[in-house]
Amino acid sequence: MTQETRLEKTNRINLLFAFYERLLTEKQQTFLKYYFHDDFSLGEIAAEFEISRQAVYEHIKRAEQTLENYEAKLELLRRHESRMHEIRELEALSHNDKLPEETRRELGAIAGKLQALE
C-alpha cells in the first residue's frame, strides 16, 4: 500500500469515525483512536493492553468493517460530502461577477448558514 493510499484510508476512517463513533463498542473506539488518531503502532497498542499484535490488528479490522457497514446502510458521510459540494457551488456562485451584487450576497449568506449547520 502506498503512502498516499494509506493517508486516504486514514482520512476515510477518521471521517467515518466522526460520524459513527458512538455506535462502536468502547474497545473499538479506543483501538481506532490509538491507531488512527494517535498514530500508535500495532505493537504499541498490544503492549498497552497486554494482548498480541494480531489481536489488535483483528480488532481494528473488525472496527473498520463495522464503520464501512454503517456507512453502507446510513450513508452519513456520503450525504455530508454531497452537501459540502453543494455549499462550495453556492460559494462559487456568490463570487460570480455576472450576477447582481444582491444575489451574490444572498447566495453567500445561504452558503454560510448551510456551512454553520454542518
PDB file of N, CA and C in Angstrom:
ATOM      1  N   MET A   1       0.848  -1.174   0.000  1.00  0.00           N
ATOM      2  CA  MET A   1       0.000   0.000   0.000  1.00  0.00           C
ATOM      3  C   MET A   1       0.894   1.238   0.000  1.00  0.00           C
ATOM      4  N   THR A   2       0.626   2.161  -0.909  1.00  0.00           N
ATOM      5  CA  THR A   2       1.446   3.367  -0.997  1.00  0.00           C
ATOM      6  C   THR A   2       1.119   4.317   0.152  1.00  0.00           C
ATOM      7  N   GLN A   3       2.010   5.264   0.371  1.00  0.00           N
ATOM      8  CA  GLN A   3       1.817   6.262   1.424  1.00  0.00           C
ATOM      9  C   GLN A   3       0.537   7.060   1.168  1.00  0.00           C
ATOM     10  N   GLU A   4       0.288   7.412  -0.085  1.00  0.00           N
ATOM     11  CA  GLU A   4      -0.908   8.178  -0.435  1.00  0.00           C
ATOM     12  C   GLU A   4      -2.182   7.371  -0.158  1.00  0.00           C
ATOM     13  N   THR A   5      -2.152   6.083  -0.482  1.00  0.00           N
ATOM     14  CA  THR A   5      -3.297   5.211  -0.233  1.00  0.00           C
ATOM     15  C   THR A   5      -3.543   5.079   1.261  1.00  0.00           C
ATOM     16  N   ARG A   6      -2.473   4.938   2.031  1.00  0.00           N
ATOM     17  CA  ARG A   6      -2.613   4.848   3.485  1.00  0.00           C
ATOM     18  C   ARG A   6      -3.220   6.117   4.060  1.00  0.00           C
ATOM     19  N   LEU A   7      -2.776   7.259   3.550  1.00  0.00           N
ATOM     20  CA  LEU A   7      -3.306   8.537   4.019  1.00  0.00           C
ATOM     21  C   LEU A   7      -4.792   8.658   3.683  1.00  0.00           C
ATOM     22  N   GLU A   8      -5.172   8.264   2.475  1.00  0.00           N
ATOM     23  CA  GLU A   8      -6.586   8.294   2.083  1.00  0.00           C
ATOM     24  C   GLU A   8      -7.418   7.390   2.983  1.00  0.00           C
ATOM     25  N   LYS A   9      -6.898   6.206   3.272  1.00  0.00           N
ATOM     26  CA  LYS A   9      -7.610   5.271   4.137  1.00  0.00           C
ATOM     27  C   LYS A   9      -7.743   5.853   5.546  1.00  0.00           C
ATOM     28  N   THR A  10      -6.664   6.411   6.064  1.00  0.00           N
ATOM     29  CA  THR A  10      -6.694   7.010   7.396  1.00  0.00           C
ATOM     30  C   THR A  10      -7.712   8.141   7.445  1.00  0.00           C
ATOM     31  N   ASN A  11      -7.724   8.988   6.438  1.00  0.00           N
ATOM     32  CA  ASN A  11      -8.683  10.089   6.389  1.00  0.00           C
ATOM     33  C   ASN A  11     -10.114   9.572   6.345  1.00  0.00           C
ATOM     34  N   ARG A  12     -10.354   8.540   5.539  1.00  0.00           N
ATOM     35  CA  ARG A  12     -11.707   7.974   5.437  1.00  0.00           C
ATOM     36  C   ARG A  12     -12.143   7.379   6.774  1.00  0.00           C
ATOM     37  N   ILE A  13     -11.267   6.618   7.406  1.00  0.00           N
ATOM     38  CA  ILE A  13     -11.624   6.004   8.687  1.00  0.00           C
ATOM     39  C   ILE A  13     -11.884   7.092   9.727  1.00  0.00           C
ATOM     40  N   ASN A  14     -11.071   8.138   9.740  1.00  0.00           N
ATOM     41  CA  ASN A  14     -11.288   9.229  10.687  1.00  0.00           C
ATOM     42  C   ASN A  14     -12.626   9.931  10.442  1.00  0.00           C
ATOM     43  N   LEU A  15     -12.987  10.118   9.178  1.00  0.00           N
ATOM     44  CA  LEU A  15     -14.288  10.717   8.863  1.00  0.00           C
ATOM     45  C   LEU A  15     -15.431   9.804   9.278  1.00  0.00           C
ATOM     46  N   LEU A  16     -15.323   8.527   8.939  1.00  0.00           N
ATOM     47  CA  LEU A  16     -16.360   7.584   9.353  1.00  0.00           C
ATOM     48  C   LEU A  16     -16.468   7.531  10.871  1.00  0.00           C
ATOM     49  N   PHE A  17     -15.325   7.551  11.534  1.00  0.00           N
ATOM     50  CA  PHE A  17     -15.287   7.513  12.986  1.00  0.00           C
ATOM     51  C   PHE A  17     -16.025   8.722  13.576  1.00  0.00           C
ATOM     52  N   ALA A  18     -15.847   9.877  12.955  1.00  0.00           N
ATOM     53  CA  ALA A  18     -16.517  11.086  13.434  1.00  0.00           C
ATOM     54  C   ALA A  18     -18.043  10.936  13.380  1.00  0.00           C
ATOM     55  N   PHE A  19     -18.528  10.249  12.377  1.00  0.00           N
ATOM     56  CA  PHE A  19     -19.971  10.076  12.222  1.00  0.00           C
ATOM     57  C   PHE A  19     -20.527   8.931  13.072  1.00  0.00           C
ATOM     58  N   TYR A  20     -19.776   7.860  13.196  1.00  0.00           N
ATOM     59  CA  TYR A  20     -20.331   6.635  13.783  1.00  0.00           C
ATOM     60  C   TYR A  20     -19.667   6.204  15.100  1.00  0.00           C
ATOM     61  N   GLU A  21     -18.835   7.037  15.668  1.00  0.00           N
ATOM     62  CA  GLU A  21     -18.084   6.664  16.874  1.00  0.00           C
ATOM     63  C   GLU A  21     -18.988   6.094  17.960  1.00  0.00           C
ATOM     64  N   ARG A  22     -20.086   6.732  18.218  1.00  0.00           N
ATOM     65  CA  ARG A  22     -20.961   6.315  19.322  1.00  0.00           C
ATOM     66  C   ARG A  22     -21.643   4.972  19.079  1.00  0.00           C
ATOM     67  N   LEU A  23     -21.603   4.490  17.855  1.00  0.00           N
ATOM     68  CA  LEU A  23     -22.206   3.202  17.545  1.00  0.00           C
ATOM     69  C   LEU A  23     -21.224   2.048  17.742  1.00  0.00           C
ATOM     70  N   LEU A  24     -19.963   2.369  17.979  1.00  0.00           N
ATOM     71  CA  LEU A  24     -18.935   1.352  18.189  1.00  0.00           C
ATOM     72  C   LEU A  24     -18.837   0.990  19.670  1.00  0.00           C
ATOM     73  N   THR A  25     -18.286  -0.197  19.927  1.00  0.00           N
ATOM     74  CA  THR A  25     -18.032  -0.578  21.314  1.00  0.00           C
ATOM     75  C   THR A  25     -16.905   0.290  21.865  1.00  0.00           C
ATOM     76  N   GLU A  26     -16.787   0.323  23.172  1.00  0.00           N
ATOM     77  CA  GLU A  26     -15.731   1.112  23.809  1.00  0.00           C
ATOM     78  C   GLU A  26     -14.348   0.640  23.352  1.00  0.00           C
ATOM     79  N   LYS A  27     -14.175  -0.662  23.241  1.00  0.00           N
ATOM     80  CA  LYS A  27     -12.890  -1.212  22.811  1.00  0.00           C
ATOM     81  C   LYS A  27     -12.577  -0.798  21.366  1.00  0.00           C
ATOM     82  N   GLN A  28     -13.586  -0.867  20.485  1.00  0.00           N
ATOM     83  CA  GLN A  28     -13.382  -0.457  19.098  1.00  0.00           C
ATOM     84  C   GLN A  28     -13.003   1.022  19.037  1.00  0.00           C
ATOM     85  N   GLN A  29     -13.697   1.844  19.810  1.00  0.00           N
ATOM     86  CA  GLN A  29     -13.395   3.275  19.839  1.00  0.00           C
ATOM     87  C   GLN A  29     -11.954   3.509  20.283  1.00  0.00           C
ATOM     88  N   THR A  30     -11.566   2.841  21.354  1.00  0.00           N
ATOM     89  CA  THR A  30     -10.224   3.025  21.913  1.00  0.00           C
ATOM     90  C   THR A  30      -9.151   2.610  20.918  1.00  0.00           C
ATOM     91  N   PHE A  31      -9.287   1.431  20.327  1.00  0.00           N
ATOM     92  CA  PHE A  31      -8.270   0.944  19.395  1.00  0.00           C
ATOM     93  C   PHE A  31      -8.174   1.830  18.155  1.00  0.00           C
ATOM     94  N   LEU A  32      -9.318   2.254  17.627  1.00  0.00           N
ATOM     95  CA  LEU A  32      -9.285   3.126  16.451  1.00  0.00           C
ATOM     96  C   LEU A  32      -8.652   4.473  16.792  1.00  0.00           C
ATOM     97  N   LYS A  33      -8.972   5.019  17.950  1.00  0.00           N
ATOM     98  CA  LYS A  33      -8.364   6.293  18.356  1.00  0.00           C
ATOM     99  C   LYS A  33      -6.847   6.148  18.456  1.00  0.00           C
ATOM    100  N   TYR A  34      -6.393   5.106  19.135  1.00  0.00           N
ATOM    101  CA  TYR A  34      -4.952   4.897  19.278  1.00  0.00           C
ATOM    102  C   TYR A  34      -4.280   4.749  17.914  1.00  0.00           C
ATOM    103  N   TYR A  35      -4.871   3.942  17.057  1.00  0.00           N
ATOM    104  CA  TYR A  35      -4.229   3.609  15.788  1.00  0.00           C
ATOM    105  C   TYR A  35      -4.325   4.741  14.763  1.00  0.00           C
ATOM    106  N   PHE A  36      -5.519   5.298  14.584  1.00  0.00           N
ATOM    107  CA  PHE A  36      -5.705   6.294  13.525  1.00  0.00           C
ATOM    108  C   PHE A  36      -5.534   7.732  14.001  1.00  0.00           C
ATOM    109  N   HIS A  37      -5.945   8.060  15.204  1.00  0.00           N
ATOM    110  CA  HIS A  37      -5.817   9.437  15.686  1.00  0.00           C
ATOM    111  C   HIS A  37      -4.441   9.699  16.270  1.00  0.00           C
ATOM    112  N   ASP A  38      -3.997   8.767  17.135  1.00  0.00           N
ATOM    113  CA  ASP A  38      -2.754   8.991  17.864  1.00  0.00           C
ATOM    114  C   ASP A  38      -1.536   8.367  17.193  1.00  0.00           C
ATOM    115  N   ASP A  39      -1.767   7.658  16.086  1.00  0.00           N
ATOM    116  CA  ASP A  39      -0.695   7.062  15.283  1.00  0.00           C
ATOM    117  C   ASP A  39       0.155   6.062  16.063  1.00  0.00           C
ATOM    118  N   PHE A  40      -0.474   5.309  16.968  1.00  0.00           N
ATOM    119  CA  PHE A  40       0.229   4.237  17.673  1.00  0.00           C
ATOM    120  C   PHE A  40       0.424   3.072  16.704  1.00  0.00           C
ATOM    121  N   SER A  41       1.483   2.327  16.864  1.00  0.00           N
ATOM    122  CA  SER A  41       1.694   1.118  16.072  1.00  0.00           C
ATOM    123  C   SER A  41       0.891  -0.020  16.697  1.00  0.00           C
ATOM    124  N   LEU A  42       0.730  -1.100  15.943  1.00  0.00           N
ATOM    125  CA  LEU A  42       0.046  -2.274  16.484  1.00  0.00           C
ATOM    126  C   LEU A  42       0.775  -2.776  17.729  1.00  0.00           C
ATOM    127  N   GLY A  43       2.099  -2.771  17.675  1.00  0.00           N
ATOM    128  CA  GLY A  43       2.902  -3.223  18.813  1.00  0.00           C
ATOM    129  C   GLY A  43       2.710  -2.357  20.044  1.00  0.00           C
ATOM    130  N   GLU A  44       2.634  -1.055  19.858  1.00  0.00           N
ATOM    131  CA  GLU A  44       2.428  -0.154  20.993  1.00  0.00           C
ATOM    132  C   GLU A  44       1.058  -0.380  21.644  1.00  0.00           C
ATOM    133  N   ILE A  45       0.047  -0.572  20.807  1.00  0.00           N
ATOM    134  CA  ILE A  45      -1.299  -0.831  21.340  1.00  0.00           C
ATOM    135  C   ILE A  45      -1.316  -2.180  22.052  1.00  0.00           C
ATOM    136  N   ALA A  46      -0.678  -3.174  21.439  1.00  0.00           N
ATOM    137  CA  ALA A  46      -0.624  -4.512  22.044  1.00  0.00           C
ATOM    138  C   ALA A  46       0.044  -4.451  23.414  1.00  0.00           C
ATOM    139  N   ALA A  47       1.124  -3.712  23.521  1.00  0.00           N
ATOM    140  CA  ALA A  47       1.826  -3.591  24.795  1.00  0.00           C
ATOM    141  C   ALA A  47       0.948  -2.884  25.825  1.00  0.00           C
ATOM    142  N   GLU A  48       0.242  -1.862  25.402  1.00  0.00           N
ATOM    143  CA  GLU A  48      -0.630  -1.101  26.307  1.00  0.00           C
ATOM    144  C   GLU A  48      -1.739  -1.976  26.898  1.00  0.00           C
ATOM    145  N   PHE A  49      -2.293  -2.868  26.077  1.00  0.00           N
ATOM    146  CA  PHE A  49      -3.422  -3.692  26.517  1.00  0.00           C
ATOM    147  C   PHE A  49      -3.021  -5.136  26.842  1.00  0.00           C
ATOM    148  N   GLU A  50      -1.725  -5.407  26.734  1.00  0.00           N
ATOM    149  CA  GLU A  50      -1.181  -6.726  27.049  1.00  0.00           C
ATOM    150  C   GLU A  50      -1.874  -7.837  26.259  1.00  0.00           C
ATOM    151  N   ILE A  51      -1.980  -7.603  24.951  1.00  0.00           N
ATOM    152  CA  ILE A  51      -2.515  -8.605  24.030  1.00  0.00           C
ATOM    153  C   ILE A  51      -1.569  -8.691  22.843  1.00  0.00           C
ATOM    154  N   SER A  52      -1.796  -9.621  21.953  1.00  0.00           N
ATOM    155  CA  SER A  52      -0.903  -9.792  20.805  1.00  0.00           C
ATOM    156  C   SER A  52      -1.171  -8.728  19.738  1.00  0.00           C
ATOM    157  N   ARG A  53      -0.156  -8.515  18.909  1.00  0.00           N
ATOM    158  CA  ARG A  53      -0.311  -7.593  17.783  1.00  0.00           C
ATOM    159  C   ARG A  53      -1.423  -8.076  16.859  1.00  0.00           C
ATOM    160  N   GLN A  54      -1.496  -9.402  16.677  1.00  0.00           N
ATOM    161  CA  GLN A  54      -2.525  -9.984  15.819  1.00  0.00           C
ATOM    162  C   GLN A  54      -3.923  -9.672  16.356  1.00  0.00           C
ATOM    163  N   ALA A  55      -4.093  -9.738  17.657  1.00  0.00           N
ATOM    164  CA  ALA A  55      -5.397  -9.428  18.268  1.00  0.00           C
ATOM    165  C   ALA A  55      -5.762  -7.960  18.030  1.00  0.00           C
ATOM    166  N   VAL A  56      -4.787  -7.085  18.176  1.00  0.00           N
ATOM    167  CA  VAL A  56      -5.022  -5.663  17.917  1.00  0.00           C
ATOM    168  C   VAL A  56      -5.422  -5.468  16.465  1.00  0.00           C
ATOM    169  N   TYR A  57      -4.672  -6.088  15.559  1.00  0.00           N
ATOM    170  CA  TYR A  57      -4.955  -5.987  14.124  1.00  0.00           C
ATOM    171  C   TYR A  57      -6.391  -6.441  13.832  1.00  0.00           C
ATOM    172  N   GLU A  58      -6.797  -7.564  14.404  1.00  0.00           N
ATOM    173  CA  GLU A  58      -8.145  -8.087  14.160  1.00  0.00           C
ATOM    174  C   GLU A  58      -9.225  -7.168  14.727  1.00  0.00           C
ATOM    175  N   HIS A  59      -8.984  -6.600  15.904  1.00  0.00           N
ATOM    176  CA  HIS A  59      -9.941  -5.642  16.479  1.00  0.00           C
ATOM    177  C   HIS A  59     -10.099  -4.424  15.575  1.00  0.00           C
ATOM    178  N   ILE A  60      -8.980  -3.919  15.084  1.00  0.00           N
ATOM    179  CA  ILE A  60      -9.017  -2.729  14.228  1.00  0.00           C
ATOM    180  C   ILE A  60      -9.712  -3.049  12.905  1.00  0.00           C
ATOM    181  N   LYS A  61      -9.381  -4.187  12.311  1.00  0.00           N
ATOM    182  CA  LYS A  61     -10.010  -4.564  11.042  1.00  0.00           C
ATOM    183  C   LYS A  61     -11.520  -4.727  11.204  1.00  0.00           C
ATOM    184  N   ARG A  62     -11.942  -5.358  12.298  1.00  0.00           N
ATOM    185  CA  ARG A  62     -13.373  -5.529  12.560  1.00  0.00           C
ATOM    186  C   ARG A  62     -14.055  -4.182  12.759  1.00  0.00           C
ATOM    187  N   ALA A  63     -13.395  -3.282  13.458  1.00  0.00           N
ATOM    188  CA  ALA A  63     -13.961  -1.954  13.691  1.00  0.00           C
ATOM    189  C   ALA A  63     -14.074  -1.180  12.371  1.00  0.00           C
ATOM    190  N   GLU A  64     -13.048  -1.288  11.524  1.00  0.00           N
ATOM    191  CA  GLU A  64     -13.096  -0.638  10.209  1.00  0.00           C
ATOM    192  C   GLU A  64     -14.272  -1.182   9.402  1.00  0.00           C
ATOM    193  N   GLN A  65     -14.421  -2.484   9.419  1.00  0.00           N
ATOM    194  CA  GLN A  65     -15.511  -3.120   8.681  1.00  0.00           C
ATOM    195  C   GLN A  65     -16.863  -2.666   9.232  1.00  0.00           C
ATOM    196  N   THR A  66     -16.970  -2.537  10.542  1.00  0.00           N
ATOM    197  CA  THR A  66     -18.200  -2.064  11.163  1.00  0.00           C
ATOM    198  C   THR A  66     -18.522  -0.647  10.696  1.00  0.00           C
ATOM    199  N   LEU A  67     -17.508   0.230  10.667  1.00  0.00           N
ATOM    200  CA  LEU A  67     -17.712   1.590  10.183  1.00  0.00           C
ATOM    201  C   LEU A  67     -18.202   1.595   8.734  1.00  0.00           C
ATOM    202  N   GLU A  68     -17.564   0.789   7.898  1.00  0.00           N
ATOM    203  CA  GLU A  68     -17.964   0.718   6.487  1.00  0.00           C
ATOM    204  C   GLU A  68     -19.390   0.172   6.346  1.00  0.00           C
ATOM    205  N   ASN A  69     -19.760  -0.783   7.194  1.00  0.00           N
ATOM    206  CA  ASN A  69     -21.124  -1.322   7.159  1.00  0.00           C
ATOM    207  C   ASN A  69     -22.145  -0.259   7.548  1.00  0.00           C
ATOM    208  N   TYR A  70     -21.834   0.513   8.582  1.00  0.00           N
ATOM    209  CA  TYR A  70     -22.729   1.604   8.959  1.00  0.00           C
ATOM    210  C   TYR A  70     -22.876   2.597   7.814  1.00  0.00           C
ATOM    211  N   GLU A  71     -21.763   2.933   7.188  1.00  0.00           N
ATOM    212  CA  GLU A  71     -21.812   3.894   6.075  1.00  0.00           C
ATOM    213  C   GLU A  71     -22.616   3.338   4.913  1.00  0.00           C
ATOM    214  N   ALA A  72     -22.469   2.051   4.618  1.00  0.00           N
ATOM    215  CA  ALA A  72     -23.220   1.439   3.518  1.00  0.00           C
ATOM    216  C   ALA A  72     -24.722   1.528   3.775  1.00  0.00           C
ATOM    217  N   LYS A  73     -25.115   1.433   5.028  1.00  0.00           N
ATOM    218  CA  LYS A  73     -26.538   1.463   5.366  1.00  0.00           C
ATOM    219  C   LYS A  73     -27.077   2.876   5.569  1.00  0.00           C
ATOM    220  N   LEU A  74     -26.311   3.724   6.241  1.00  0.00           N
ATOM    221  CA  LEU A  74     -26.811   5.036   6.637  1.00  0.00           C
ATOM    222  C   LEU A  74     -26.360   6.179   5.722  1.00  0.00           C
ATOM    223  N   GLU A  75     -25.219   6.017   5.080  1.00  0.00           N
ATOM    224  CA  GLU A  75     -24.671   6.986   4.122  1.00  0.00           C
ATOM    225  C   GLU A  75     -24.511   8.396   4.687  1.00  0.00           C
ATOM    226  N   LEU A  76     -24.158   8.524   5.956  1.00  0.00           N
ATOM    227  CA  LEU A  76     -23.986   9.847   6.551  1.00  0.00           C
ATOM    228  C   LEU A  76     -22.797  10.594   5.952  1.00  0.00           C
ATOM    229  N   LEU A  77     -21.695   9.902   5.745  1.00  0.00           N
ATOM    230  CA  LEU A  77     -20.511  10.539   5.163  1.00  0.00           C
ATOM    231  C   LEU A  77     -20.774  10.955   3.719  1.00  0.00           C
ATOM    232  N   ARG A  78     -21.378  10.071   2.942  1.00  0.00           N
ATOM    233  CA  ARG A  78     -21.671  10.400   1.545  1.00  0.00           C
ATOM    234  C   ARG A  78     -22.577  11.625   1.457  1.00  0.00           C
ATOM    235  N   ARG A  79     -23.586  11.673   2.299  1.00  0.00           N
ATOM    236  CA  ARG A  79     -24.506  12.816   2.290  1.00  0.00           C
ATOM    237  C   ARG A  79     -23.794  14.090   2.732  1.00  0.00           C
ATOM    238  N   HIS A  80     -22.943  13.974   3.721  1.00  0.00           N
ATOM    239  CA  HIS A  80     -22.170  15.132   4.179  1.00  0.00           C
ATOM    240  C   HIS A  80     -21.292  15.675   3.045  1.00  0.00           C
ATOM    241  N   GLU A  81     -20.586  14.771   2.378  1.00  0.00           N
ATOM    242  CA  GLU A  81     -19.714  15.194   1.279  1.00  0.00           C
ATOM    243  C   GLU A  81     -20.517  15.822   0.152  1.00  0.00           C
ATOM    244  N   SER A  82     -21.706  15.296  -0.110  1.00  0.00           N
ATOM    245  CA  SER A  82     -22.581  15.862  -1.143  1.00  0.00           C
ATOM    246  C   SER A  82     -23.033  17.269  -0.749  1.00  0.00           C
ATOM    247  N   ARG A  83     -23.425  17.441   0.510  1.00  0.00           N
ATOM    248  CA  ARG A  83     -23.832  18.770   0.973  1.00  0.00           C
ATOM    249  C   ARG A  83     -22.680  19.760   0.883  1.00  0.00           C
ATOM    250  N   MET A  84     -21.483  19.313   1.269  1.00  0.00           N
ATOM    251  CA  MET A  84     -20.321  20.200   1.214  1.00  0.00           C
ATOM    252  C   MET A  84     -20.019  20.620  -0.227  1.00  0.00           C
ATOM    253  N   HIS A  85     -20.204  19.701  -1.157  1.00  0.00           N
ATOM    254  CA  HIS A  85     -20.005  20.024  -2.574  1.00  0.00           C
ATOM    255  C   HIS A  85     -20.999  21.108  -3.008  1.00  0.00           C
ATOM    256  N   GLU A  86     -22.247  20.962  -2.600  1.00  0.00           N
ATOM    257  CA  GLU A  86     -23.270  21.942  -2.976  1.00  0.00           C
ATOM    258  C   GLU A  86     -22.989  23.300  -2.327  1.00  0.00           C
ATOM    259  N   ILE A  87     -22.501  23.298  -1.098  1.00  0.00           N
ATOM    260  CA  ILE A  87     -22.146  24.553  -0.427  1.00  0.00           C
ATOM    261  C   ILE A  87     -21.017  25.249  -1.180  1.00  0.00           C
ATOM    262  N   ARG A  88     -20.019  24.474  -1.620  1.00  0.00           N
ATOM    263  CA  ARG A  88     -18.916  25.069  -2.407  1.00  0.00           C
ATOM    264  C   ARG A  88     -19.438  25.650  -3.721  1.00  0.00           C
ATOM    265  N   GLU A  89     -20.423  24.983  -4.318  1.00  0.00           N
ATOM    266  CA  GLU A  89     -21.036  25.502  -5.557  1.00  0.00           C
ATOM    267  C   GLU A  89     -21.720  26.845  -5.279  1.00  0.00           C
ATOM    268  N   LEU A  90     -22.469  26.924  -4.184  1.00  0.00           N
ATOM    269  CA  LEU A  90     -23.123  28.187  -3.811  1.00  0.00           C
ATOM    270  C   LEU A  90     -22.089  29.284  -3.569  1.00  0.00           C
ATOM    271  N   GLU A  91     -21.026  28.936  -2.871  1.00  0.00           N
ATOM    272  CA  GLU A  91     -19.980  29.914  -2.604  1.00  0.00           C
ATOM    273  C   GLU A  91     -19.348  30.417  -3.897  1.00  0.00           C
ATOM    274  N   ALA A  92     -19.147  29.501  -4.843  1.00  0.00           N
ATOM    275  CA  ALA A  92     -18.579  29.900  -6.137  1.00  0.00           C
ATOM    276  C   ALA A  92     -19.532  30.852  -6.861  1.00  0.00           C
ATOM    277  N   LEU A  93     -20.824  30.550  -6.817  1.00  0.00           N
ATOM    278  CA  LEU A  93     -21.807  31.430  -7.448  1.00  0.00           C
ATOM    279  C   LEU A  93     -21.820  32.807  -6.780  1.00  0.00           C
ATOM    280  N   SER A  94     -21.586  32.824  -5.474  1.00  0.00           N
ATOM    281  CA  SER A  94     -21.614  34.100  -4.752  1.00  0.00           C
ATOM    282  C   SER A  94     -20.456  35.009  -5.156  1.00  0.00           C
ATOM    283  N   HIS A  95     -19.472  34.463  -5.883  1.00  0.00           N
ATOM    284  CA  HIS A  95     -18.338  35.260  -6.363  1.00  0.00           C
ATOM    285  C   HIS A  95     -18.407  35.510  -7.867  1.00  0.00           C
ATOM    286  N   ASN A  96     -19.520  35.120  -8.478  1.00  0.00           N
ATOM    287  CA  ASN A  96     -19.698  35.281  -9.917  1.00  0.00           C
ATOM    288  C   ASN A  96     -20.069  36.732 -10.225  1.00  0.00           C
ATOM    289  N   ASP A  97     -19.173  37.431 -10.905  1.00  0.00           N
ATOM    290  CA  ASP A  97     -19.386  38.852 -11.221  1.00  0.00           C
ATOM    291  C   ASP A  97     -20.537  39.086 -12.190  1.00  0.00           C
ATOM    292  N   LYS A  98     -21.008  38.042 -12.850  1.00  0.00           N
ATOM    293  CA  LYS A  98     -22.114  38.188 -13.800  1.00  0.00           C
ATOM    294  C   LYS A  98     -23.468  38.299 -13.102  1.00  0.00           C
ATOM    295  N   LEU A  99     -23.508  37.938 -11.829  1.00  0.00           N
ATOM    296  CA  LEU A  99     -24.749  38.021 -11.059  1.00  0.00           C
ATOM    297  C   LEU A  99     -24.825  39.372 -10.348  1.00  0.00           C
ATOM    298  N   PRO A 100     -26.047  39.849 -10.116  1.00  0.00           N
ATOM    299  CA  PRO A 100     -26.184  41.112  -9.372  1.00  0.00           C
ATOM    300  C   PRO A 100     -25.605  40.980  -7.959  1.00  0.00           C
ATOM    301  N   GLU A 101     -25.099  42.085  -7.440  1.00  0.00           N
ATOM    302  CA  GLU A 101     -24.456  42.102  -6.118  1.00  0.00           C
ATOM    303  C   GLU A 101     -25.374  41.557  -5.034  1.00  0.00           C
ATOM    304  N   GLU A 102     -26.639  41.954  -5.054  1.00  0.00           N
ATOM    305  CA  GLU A 102     -27.579  41.497  -4.028  1.00  0.00           C
ATOM    306  C   GLU A 102     -27.749  39.979  -4.072  1.00  0.00           C
ATOM    307  N   THR A 103     -27.825  39.430  -5.269  1.00  0.00           N
ATOM    308  CA  THR A 103     -27.960  37.976  -5.429  1.00  0.00           C
ATOM    309  C   THR A 103     -26.719  37.272  -4.903  1.00  0.00           C
ATOM    310  N   ARG A 104     -25.550  37.815  -5.229  1.00  0.00           N
ATOM    311  CA  ARG A 104     -24.303  37.205  -4.744  1.00  0.00           C
ATOM    312  C   ARG A 104     -24.238  37.224  -3.222  1.00  0.00           C
ATOM    313  N   ARG A 105     -24.665  38.342  -2.629  1.00  0.00           N
ATOM    314  CA  ARG A 105     -24.678  38.446  -1.172  1.00  0.00           C
ATOM    315  C   ARG A 105     -25.625  37.412  -0.555  1.00  0.00           C
ATOM    316  N   GLU A 106     -26.802  37.271  -1.156  1.00  0.00           N
ATOM    317  CA  GLU A 106     -27.782  36.303  -0.650  1.00  0.00           C
ATOM    318  C   GLU A 106     -27.251  34.877  -0.764  1.00  0.00           C
ATOM    319  N   LEU A 107     -26.635  34.556  -1.898  1.00  0.00           N
ATOM    320  CA  LEU A 107     -26.057  33.220  -2.076  1.00  0.00           C
ATOM    321  C   LEU A 107     -24.948  32.965  -1.056  1.00  0.00           C
ATOM    322  N   GLY A 108     -24.126  33.958  -0.825  1.00  0.00           N
ATOM    323  CA  GLY A 108     -23.060  33.827   0.168  1.00  0.00           C
ATOM    324  C   GLY A 108     -23.619  33.623   1.569  1.00  0.00           C
ATOM    325  N   ALA A 109     -24.688  34.336   1.884  1.00  0.00           N
ATOM    326  CA  ALA A 109     -25.315  34.198   3.203  1.00  0.00           C
ATOM    327  C   ALA A 109     -25.916  32.796   3.360  1.00  0.00           C
ATOM    328  N   ILE A 110     -26.558  32.303   2.329  1.00  0.00           N
ATOM    329  CA  ILE A 110     -27.141  30.958   2.373  1.00  0.00           C
ATOM    330  C   ILE A 110     -26.037  29.924   2.544  1.00  0.00           C
ATOM    331  N   ALA A 111     -24.966  30.069   1.789  1.00  0.00           N
ATOM    332  CA  ALA A 111     -23.840  29.127   1.898  1.00  0.00           C
ATOM    333  C   ALA A 111     -23.271  29.159   3.308  1.00  0.00           C
ATOM    334  N   GLY A 112     -23.158  30.339   3.890  1.00  0.00           N
ATOM    335  CA  GLY A 112     -22.638  30.458   5.252  1.00  0.00           C
ATOM    336  C   GLY A 112     -23.546  29.791   6.268  1.00  0.00           C
ATOM    337  N   LYS A 113     -24.848  29.953   6.120  1.00  0.00           N
ATOM    338  CA  LYS A 113     -25.802  29.315   7.035  1.00  0.00           C
ATOM    339  C   LYS A 113     -25.734  27.796   6.915  1.00  0.00           C
ATOM    340  N   LEU A 114     -25.655  27.314   5.689  1.00  0.00           N
ATOM    341  CA  LEU A 114     -25.558  25.858   5.491  1.00  0.00           C
ATOM    342  C   LEU A 114     -24.254  25.316   6.079  1.00  0.00           C
ATOM    343  N   GLN A 115     -23.175  26.043   5.881  1.00  0.00           N
ATOM    344  CA  GLN A 115     -21.882  25.631   6.431  1.00  0.00           C
ATOM    345  C   GLN A 115     -21.950  25.565   7.948  1.00  0.00           C
ATOM    346  N   ALA A 116     -22.635  26.518   8.569  1.00  0.00           N
ATOM    347  CA  ALA A 116     -22.760  26.525  10.032  1.00  0.00           C
ATOM    348  C   ALA A 116     -23.544  25.323  10.529  1.00  0.00           C
ATOM    349  N   LEU A 117     -24.484  24.834   9.743  1.00  0.00           N
ATOM    350  CA  LEU A 117     -25.271  23.665  10.131  1.00  0.00           C
ATOM    351  C   LEU A 117     -24.438  22.395  10.109  1.00  0.00           C
ATOM    352  N   GLU A 118     -23.403  22.360   9.308  1.00  0.00           N
ATOM    353  CA  GLU A 118     -22.549  21.178   9.230  1.00  0.00           C
ATOM    354  C   GLU A 118     -21.707  21.096  10.463  1.00  0.00           C
TER     355      GLU A 118
END
